[in-house]
Amino acid sequence: MKANESRFHVKTRGIRARKLIPLLCMFLFVSVATPDPVMPAGFEGITLGLVSISWETQLPVAVAQQAGFFKEQGLEVRSVTLGGGGRLMIPLLSSGDAQMAISGTVAILRGISRGAPIVIVGGYRKSLDWALLGAKELKSVNELKGKKVGVTAAGSMSEFLVIEALKTKGLIRDQDYTILPAGQELLRVLGLKSGNLQAIPLSGGQKVLLESEGYPKLMELRSVFPNLPTSVVLGTKKFVATNSNKVVGVLKALSKAANLIRKDKDRAIQMGKAQRLPGDATVERKALDHYAEDLQVGLRKEDLAAFMKLLGIKEPVEDFFEESLLAGAMASR
């Protein structure tokens, strides 16, 4: 599979034009390549899958590239971005087109539970900076009854967060509101602005931008899930078992990048621009103040176990998390 190619067969019979447009937009979005160059034939370094084009996902990798942290570890790393939720990372890794990835935690835990040959090796974001934003006419979360809420995809982190958060307000999926898979953040924003969706979960720059445009924050999701590791670093079991030094090197580089971001946010934003990350750097700088402290390679086994319990996963956490490599990376920074 090429980094910038994704094929879909769309059945059009019976679908009205206005419903087909979001599907076509999804196709175009998922087909967008990472800001990094397309990998040359015969590339022998590490291919790192990324689950989103958002700066929260891309910035630590961009900083590690621009500051030379991967090179310090003797590594050549290329990234490839596939929008559409963490579920896409599993076939990307299983196919051998990538050896490591950064992804939302929900899809990865469920995938491992179902037998996917992957393992978590570290954290990436220790908490979440998500909020549920609504249409401008909405005043409270209780007004979502009978409304449509857009999430990334079925089984995605955003779907899990919305369903569980709204439960705390007495709102039950399909009974009180409808969940629609609407794609990555930009597509969800389009859905909200067009009126096809009445609420969407957002973080980072898009959240800051929409709040500035008058879209109300119906619910702050961080308060509901204060200690959930939102995203993690993972690899194929085969690669992790046979390339432990490289895995430790990736974790060290990402940890140094996270430290730089926390200590010098302005410099980090300039590095993101130099890496050609998309979007408004001024907006992203404001957003960075909200999530910089959450960028942590460290991952506590008990936090992951608590997340698994929420998902109804009963296997031991040791089957999901190779803790020893993270310990090595953190000890030798």
Protein backbone atom coordinates (compact mmCIF):
# COMPACT_ATOMS: atom_id res chain seq x y z
CA MET A 1 0.00 0.00 0.00
CA LYS A 2 1.42 3.41 -0.98
CA ALA A 3 1.46 6.20 1.57
CA ASN A 4 -0.80 8.46 -0.41
CA GLU A 5 -3.20 5.92 -1.85
CA SER A 6 -6.39 4.56 -0.40
CA ARG A 7 -9.10 2.85 -2.44
CA PHE A 8 -12.77 2.67 -1.66
CA HIS A 9 -15.68 1.20 -3.54
CA VAL A 10 -18.74 3.38 -2.96
CA LYS A 11 -22.15 2.03 -3.79
CA THR A 12 -24.10 5.00 -5.10
CA ARG A 13 -27.51 3.53 -5.91
CA GLY A 14 -30.15 5.00 -3.65
CA ILE A 15 -27.85 7.60 -2.13
CA ARG A 16 -28.92 11.16 -2.70
CA ALA A 17 -26.26 13.57 -3.91
CA ARG A 18 -26.12 15.49 -0.65
CA LYS A 19 -25.34 12.29 1.23
CA LEU A 20 -22.72 11.23 -1.28
CA ILE A 21 -20.68 14.42 -0.86
CA PRO A 22 -19.47 13.58 2.69
CA LEU A 23 -18.40 10.14 1.49
CA LEU A 24 -16.39 11.66 -1.35
CA CYS A 25 -14.85 14.13 1.07
CA MET A 26 -13.84 11.22 3.28
CA PHE A 27 -12.18 9.54 0.31
CA LEU A 28 -10.19 12.66 -0.48
CA PHE A 29 -9.23 13.18 3.15
CA VAL A 30 -8.01 9.67 3.79
CA SER A 31 -6.00 9.83 0.57
CA VAL A 32 -3.99 12.83 1.79
CA ALA A 33 -0.37 11.94 2.46
CA THR A 34 1.71 12.88 5.45
CA PRO A 35 3.71 16.15 5.28
CA ASP A 36 6.84 13.96 5.05
CA PRO A 37 8.01 12.93 1.58
CA VAL A 38 6.66 9.71 0.14
CA MET A 39 8.96 6.85 1.08
CA PRO A 40 11.40 5.90 -1.67
CA ALA A 41 11.52 2.37 -2.99
CA GLY A 42 13.82 0.23 -0.89
CA PHE A 43 13.49 2.42 2.22
CA GLU A 44 15.04 0.46 5.08
CA GLY A 45 14.35 2.76 8.01
CA ILE A 46 11.34 2.80 10.32
CA THR A 47 7.95 3.66 8.88
CA LEU A 48 5.80 5.27 11.55
CA GLY A 49 2.04 5.33 11.04
CA LEU A 50 0.12 8.36 12.31
CA VAL A 51 -3.62 8.37 12.81
CA SER A 52 -4.37 12.04 12.20
CA ILE A 53 -3.07 15.17 10.46
CA SER A 54 -3.83 17.19 13.60
CA TRP A 55 -0.93 19.03 15.20
CA GLU A 56 -1.47 17.15 18.48
CA THR A 57 -0.53 13.97 16.66
CA GLN A 58 2.02 15.35 14.21
CA LEU A 59 3.95 17.91 16.28
CA PRO A 60 6.14 15.63 18.46
CA VAL A 61 7.20 13.66 15.37
CA ALA A 62 7.85 16.88 13.44
CA VAL A 63 9.97 18.25 16.29
CA ALA A 64 11.90 14.99 16.57
CA GLN A 65 12.67 15.26 12.84
CA GLN A 66 13.55 18.94 12.82
CA ALA A 67 15.67 18.81 15.99
CA GLY A 68 17.50 15.70 14.79
CA PHE A 69 16.41 13.54 17.73
CA PHE A 70 15.79 10.48 15.54
CA LYS A 71 19.20 10.90 13.92
CA GLU A 72 20.81 11.13 17.37
CA GLN A 73 19.53 7.61 17.95
CA GLY A 74 20.95 6.41 14.63
CA LEU A 75 17.46 6.12 13.15
CA GLU A 76 15.92 7.08 9.83
CA VAL A 77 12.18 7.53 10.36
CA ARG A 78 9.46 8.32 7.83
CA SER A 79 5.83 8.85 8.77
CA VAL A 80 2.64 8.04 6.88
CA THR A 81 -0.74 9.42 7.91
CA LEU A 82 -4.03 7.59 7.48
CA GLY A 83 -7.13 9.45 8.65
CA GLY A 84 -10.18 7.53 9.77
CA GLY A 85 -9.43 6.22 13.25
CA GLY A 86 -7.01 3.84 14.89
CA ARG A 87 -8.54 0.79 13.24
CA LEU A 88 -6.62 1.66 10.05
CA MET A 89 -3.31 1.39 11.88
CA ILE A 90 -3.79 -2.31 12.51
CA PRO A 91 -3.91 -3.40 8.83
CA LEU A 92 -1.12 -0.92 8.03
CA LEU A 93 1.13 -2.62 10.58
CA SER A 94 -0.07 -6.14 9.83
CA SER A 95 0.71 -5.68 6.13
CA GLY A 96 4.32 -4.75 6.88
CA ASP A 97 3.94 -1.27 5.36
CA ALA A 98 4.78 0.22 8.76
CA GLN A 99 6.69 -1.12 11.76
CA MET A 100 5.46 1.32 14.41
CA ALA A 101 2.54 3.67 14.84
CA ILE A 102 0.95 6.33 17.00
CA SER A 103 -2.75 5.83 17.47
CA GLY A 104 -5.78 6.36 19.65
CA THR A 105 -5.82 3.84 22.48
CA VAL A 106 -9.32 2.40 22.10
CA ALA A 107 -8.91 0.80 18.67
CA ILE A 108 -5.51 -0.57 19.59
CA LEU A 109 -6.66 -2.22 22.82
CA ARG A 110 -9.62 -3.77 21.05
CA GLY A 111 -7.44 -4.90 18.17
CA ILE A 112 -4.93 -6.62 20.44
CA SER A 113 -7.79 -8.26 22.34
CA ARG A 114 -8.99 -9.71 19.02
CA GLY A 115 -5.59 -11.11 18.15
CA ALA A 116 -3.85 -8.34 16.19
CA PRO A 117 -0.06 -9.01 16.18
CA ILE A 118 0.82 -5.66 17.74
CA VAL A 119 1.92 -4.43 21.16
CA ILE A 120 1.97 -1.07 22.96
CA VAL A 121 5.47 0.16 23.83
CA GLY A 122 4.82 3.62 25.28
CA GLY A 123 2.48 6.52 25.81
CA TYR A 124 2.04 9.58 23.63
CA ARG A 125 -0.66 11.65 25.30
CA LYS A 126 -1.39 10.96 28.94
CA SER A 127 -4.74 12.73 28.96
CA LEU A 128 -7.15 14.37 26.55
CA ASP A 129 -7.95 17.92 25.57
CA TRP A 130 -11.31 17.16 23.97
CA ALA A 131 -14.57 19.03 24.23
CA LEU A 132 -18.00 18.38 22.75
CA LEU A 133 -18.92 21.42 20.65
CA GLY A 134 -22.46 22.02 19.49
CA ALA A 135 -24.40 23.89 16.87
CA LYS A 136 -24.78 27.58 17.64
CA GLU A 137 -28.45 27.25 18.55
CA LEU A 138 -27.72 24.75 21.34
CA LYS A 139 -27.31 25.99 24.89
CA SER A 140 -26.69 22.80 26.88
CA VAL A 141 -25.83 19.14 26.46
CA ASN A 142 -29.42 18.21 27.34
CA GLU A 143 -30.56 19.73 24.04
CA LEU A 144 -28.82 16.91 22.17
CA LYS A 145 -31.91 14.72 22.48
CA GLY A 146 -32.98 13.72 19.00
CA LYS A 147 -29.79 15.18 17.50
CA LYS A 148 -26.86 13.76 15.50
CA VAL A 149 -23.34 13.62 16.94
CA GLY A 150 -20.44 13.11 14.53
CA VAL A 151 -17.39 11.02 15.51
CA THR A 152 -14.33 9.85 13.59
CA ALA A 153 -15.44 6.27 12.94
CA ALA A 154 -17.07 3.26 14.52
CA GLY A 155 -14.80 1.92 17.23
CA SER A 156 -12.73 5.11 17.38
CA MET A 157 -11.48 6.97 20.43
CA SER A 158 -13.87 9.84 19.73
CA GLU A 159 -16.86 7.50 19.59
CA PHE A 160 -15.93 5.92 22.91
CA LEU A 161 -15.41 9.29 24.61
CA VAL A 162 -18.71 10.73 23.40
CA ILE A 163 -20.80 7.69 24.34
CA GLU A 164 -19.28 7.34 27.80
CA ALA A 165 -19.34 11.08 28.54
CA LEU A 166 -22.98 11.50 27.54
CA LYS A 167 -23.91 8.53 29.72
CA THR A 168 -22.84 10.60 32.72
CA LYS A 169 -25.48 13.14 31.68
CA GLY A 170 -28.18 10.50 31.33
CA LEU A 171 -28.08 10.47 27.53
CA ILE A 172 -28.02 7.05 25.87
CA ARG A 173 -26.92 6.36 22.30
CA ASP A 174 -29.73 5.53 19.83
CA GLN A 175 -32.26 6.20 22.54
CA ASP A 176 -31.57 9.91 23.02
CA TYR A 177 -29.22 10.79 20.16
CA THR A 178 -27.61 9.26 17.07
CA ILE A 179 -23.90 8.65 16.47
CA LEU A 180 -22.67 9.15 12.89
CA PRO A 181 -19.19 8.25 11.62
CA ALA A 182 -18.10 11.55 10.06
CA GLY A 183 -14.34 11.27 9.57
CA GLN A 184 -11.43 13.30 10.91
CA GLU A 185 -11.72 16.72 12.50
CA LEU A 186 -11.99 18.83 9.35
CA LEU A 187 -14.84 16.71 8.05
CA ARG A 188 -16.63 16.84 11.39
CA VAL A 189 -16.31 20.62 11.36
CA LEU A 190 -17.84 20.73 7.88
CA GLY A 191 -20.69 18.54 9.09
CA LEU A 192 -21.36 20.82 12.04
CA LYS A 193 -21.24 24.01 9.97
CA SER A 194 -23.50 22.56 7.28
CA GLY A 195 -26.13 21.52 9.82
CA ASN A 196 -25.81 17.80 9.07
CA LEU A 197 -24.40 17.31 12.58
CA GLN A 198 -25.45 19.05 15.78
CA ALA A 199 -22.42 18.21 17.91
CA ILE A 200 -18.86 16.97 17.42
CA PRO A 201 -15.88 16.18 19.68
CA LEU A 202 -12.83 18.34 18.95
CA SER A 203 -9.41 19.10 20.35
CA GLY A 204 -6.45 21.31 19.60
CA GLY A 205 -6.55 24.02 16.95
CA GLN A 206 -9.97 23.15 15.54
CA LYS A 207 -11.50 23.38 19.00
CA VAL A 208 -9.90 26.78 19.61
CA LEU A 209 -11.01 28.03 16.19
CA LEU A 210 -14.64 26.94 16.48
CA GLU A 211 -15.01 28.35 19.99
CA SER A 212 -13.73 31.68 18.66
CA GLU A 213 -16.45 31.51 15.98
CA GLY A 214 -19.19 31.18 18.58
CA TYR A 215 -19.83 27.44 18.63
CA PRO A 216 -20.73 26.52 22.22
CA LYS A 217 -18.77 24.07 24.35
CA LEU A 218 -21.45 21.67 25.56
CA MET A 219 -19.17 19.48 27.63
CA GLU A 220 -15.52 19.31 28.63
CA LEU A 221 -14.49 15.67 28.22
CA ARG A 222 -11.27 15.95 30.21
CA SER A 223 -13.26 16.27 33.45
CA VAL A 224 -15.00 12.95 32.75
CA PHE A 225 -11.79 11.07 31.87
CA PRO A 226 -8.91 12.81 33.67
CA ASN A 227 -6.39 9.95 33.55
CA LEU A 228 -7.05 8.05 30.34
CA PRO A 229 -4.00 7.66 28.07
CA THR A 230 -5.56 9.05 24.91
CA SER A 231 -2.96 7.81 22.44
CA VAL A 232 -0.05 5.38 22.52
CA VAL A 233 3.05 4.28 20.64
CA LEU A 234 2.92 0.72 19.34
CA GLY A 235 4.68 -1.68 17.03
CA THR A 236 4.31 -5.06 15.46
CA LYS A 237 5.23 -7.88 17.83
CA LYS A 238 7.85 -9.13 15.38
CA PHE A 239 9.53 -5.73 14.99
CA VAL A 240 9.50 -5.03 18.73
CA ALA A 241 10.95 -8.46 19.54
CA THR A 242 13.76 -8.23 16.99
CA ASN A 243 14.55 -4.50 17.10
CA SER A 244 14.32 -3.53 20.74
CA ASN A 245 17.15 -0.97 20.45
CA LYS A 246 15.38 0.82 17.62
CA VAL A 247 12.10 0.89 19.55
CA VAL A 248 13.89 2.36 22.57
CA GLY A 249 15.50 4.92 20.26
CA VAL A 250 12.12 6.02 18.88
CA LEU A 251 10.77 6.41 22.43
CA LYS A 252 13.82 8.44 23.47
CA ALA A 253 13.48 10.74 20.46
CA LEU A 254 9.76 11.31 21.05
CA SER A 255 10.38 11.94 24.74
CA LYS A 256 13.01 14.58 23.93
CA ALA A 257 10.60 16.16 21.44
CA ALA A 258 7.85 16.32 24.06
CA ASN A 259 10.25 17.96 26.52
CA LEU A 260 11.25 20.57 23.93
CA ILE A 261 7.60 21.31 23.15
CA ARG A 262 6.79 21.88 26.83
CA LYS A 263 9.83 24.08 27.42
CA ASP A 264 9.77 26.17 24.22
CA LYS A 265 6.34 26.19 22.59
CA ASP A 266 7.18 28.96 20.13
CA ARG A 267 10.20 27.09 18.82
CA ALA A 268 8.14 23.91 18.55
CA ILE A 269 5.52 25.70 16.44
CA GLN A 270 8.22 27.00 14.12
CA MET A 271 9.49 23.44 13.72
CA GLY A 272 5.97 22.31 12.88
CA LYS A 273 5.79 24.97 10.19
CA ALA A 274 9.20 23.93 8.84
CA GLN A 275 7.88 20.36 8.62
CA ARG A 276 4.93 21.74 6.60
CA LEU A 277 2.20 20.77 9.02
CA PRO A 278 -1.13 22.08 7.68
CA GLY A 279 -3.24 24.72 9.35
CA ASP A 280 -2.97 28.12 10.98
CA ALA A 281 0.17 28.20 13.14
CA THR A 282 -1.21 31.09 15.22
CA VAL A 283 -4.29 29.08 16.17
CA GLU A 284 -2.16 26.00 16.80
CA ARG A 285 0.09 28.00 19.13
CA LYS A 286 -2.94 28.91 21.25
CA ALA A 287 -4.11 25.31 21.26
CA LEU A 288 -0.68 24.09 22.33
CA ASP A 289 -1.08 25.81 25.69
CA HIS A 290 -3.96 23.41 26.41
CA TYR A 291 -2.29 20.10 25.60
CA ALA A 292 1.51 20.53 25.79
CA GLU A 293 1.67 19.06 29.30
CA ASP A 294 -0.24 15.99 28.11
CA LEU A 295 2.49 15.00 25.66
CA GLN A 296 4.20 12.24 27.62
CA VAL A 297 5.93 9.08 26.42
CA GLY A 298 5.60 7.67 29.92
CA LEU A 299 2.71 5.26 30.42
CA ARG A 300 1.53 3.74 33.69
CA LYS A 301 0.45 0.14 33.54
CA GLU A 302 -2.37 0.80 36.02
CA ASP A 303 -3.83 3.56 33.84
CA LEU A 304 -3.85 1.23 30.83
CA ALA A 305 -5.43 -1.52 32.92
CA ALA A 306 -8.15 0.88 34.06
CA PHE A 307 -8.84 1.80 30.43
CA MET A 308 -9.10 -1.88 29.51
CA LYS A 309 -11.61 -2.41 32.31
CA LEU A 310 -13.76 0.41 30.90
CA LEU A 311 -13.72 -1.37 27.54
CA GLY A 312 -14.63 -4.71 29.09
CA ILE A 313 -11.27 -6.27 28.17
CA LYS A 314 -10.36 -8.95 30.71
CA GLU A 315 -6.97 -10.18 29.52
CA PRO A 316 -3.90 -9.23 31.60
CA VAL A 317 -2.38 -5.86 30.75
CA GLU A 318 1.00 -7.55 30.20
CA ASP A 319 -0.42 -9.08 27.00
CA PHE A 320 -0.94 -5.56 25.62
CA PHE A 321 2.02 -3.54 26.91
CA GLU A 322 5.76 -4.28 26.62
CA GLU A 323 6.74 -2.18 29.60
CA SER A 324 10.43 -3.09 29.72
CA LEU A 325 11.35 -1.09 26.59
CA LEU A 326 9.73 2.06 27.93
CA ALA A 327 11.56 1.61 31.21
CA GLY A 328 14.83 1.38 29.30
CA ALA A 329 14.06 4.50 27.29
CA MET A 330 13.10 6.55 30.33
CA ALA A 331 16.07 5.36 32.40
CA SER A 332 18.67 6.31 29.79
CA ARG A 333 17.41 9.72 28.70
